């Protein structure tokens, strides 16, 4: 089955999908004292987290989303209440909307966000060698943290990921220049839609999807349906516990780094650097936040979803560049690829 680009991009669908976290974030910010604290004294994310005794990573995700929604204003890394927040979200205001905000609230989501705020040092929690620690909350990424995904889980995960990633995969294949790439390794490639789209668009490419064994089995079905079995294969590797294959001039990640905390992303960057030859490149396909982190709203809301369901968050370009340069990469650059997504590229000297 040949992949064809949709007639319109999927940004409106992403907007609708992620709008559900807006109200939860506002209510938790109200209940936890974030609005009141910033009204008393505008401050930075680290200072606010220390003031309220919150986890810094979670505080940053919350504050950045509030800023993206126009409820906070950021100046020189300090966050201030906007007029909307001051008028309608302070309990002392005669126009306070807080009680209305609690109608039809997703209480499970609210409780999860409160728990994240009180989970200290989540940006650095990791097991040996940077592999992620497994939570006890049954989050979707716990299966990868443990290196165990059942075949039933694999089928369900691949179907979901394929649905939301296929337009972006086609866009990346058409809009990113792979003329000088011959062999590409897709780490945590899920259904394989990115490599299938790349292979269909670029007959010279040879692509490998590196995943857990059950995910590989499911991906092979998509590869056959895509008609690219001569160009795309799979290799069963637990990326956190087993050696990675070499011999590729590009390593690709899509929606992988946003699943993990800072220490684990640093480890992933180091492993990628080790297996690439000189001149090889890493490609990171993610929704990037604006330079100040305060938007765009959909990327900031996606970051909140990652905070609730994974160990990660969305990054700014400068944050990604810092991780990559810390691992030894150079010439870090980013280009839009499709919808809200970009591909950040860095090279091994």
Foldseek 3Di string as FASTA:
>chain_A
DADDADPDFCQVVLCVVLPLCVLLLLLLCLVLCVLVVQAVPWAALVVSCVVSVWASLLSLLSQLLCLLVVQWDDDPRTIHGDPCCVAAPHPPHPNHCNVVSPPPRPVVLNVLSVVNGNPYPLQQAADPLLQRDADPPPFPCNCLSVLHDDLVRLLVQLVVCCVVCQNLLLLQLVPPDCVVFQEEEEEQCRLVNNVLNNCSSDVRHAYEYEEAPSSQVNNVVVNVVSVNPVRYHYDHDSVRPDQDAADGLEYEYEPPQQQAHNSNLLSVLLSVLVRHDAFGKYKYKDQAAAPSSNDNNSQSSVQSVSSSRGSGGHYHQVSVVVSNVVSQWDPWDWDARGRRIIIIMTGHD
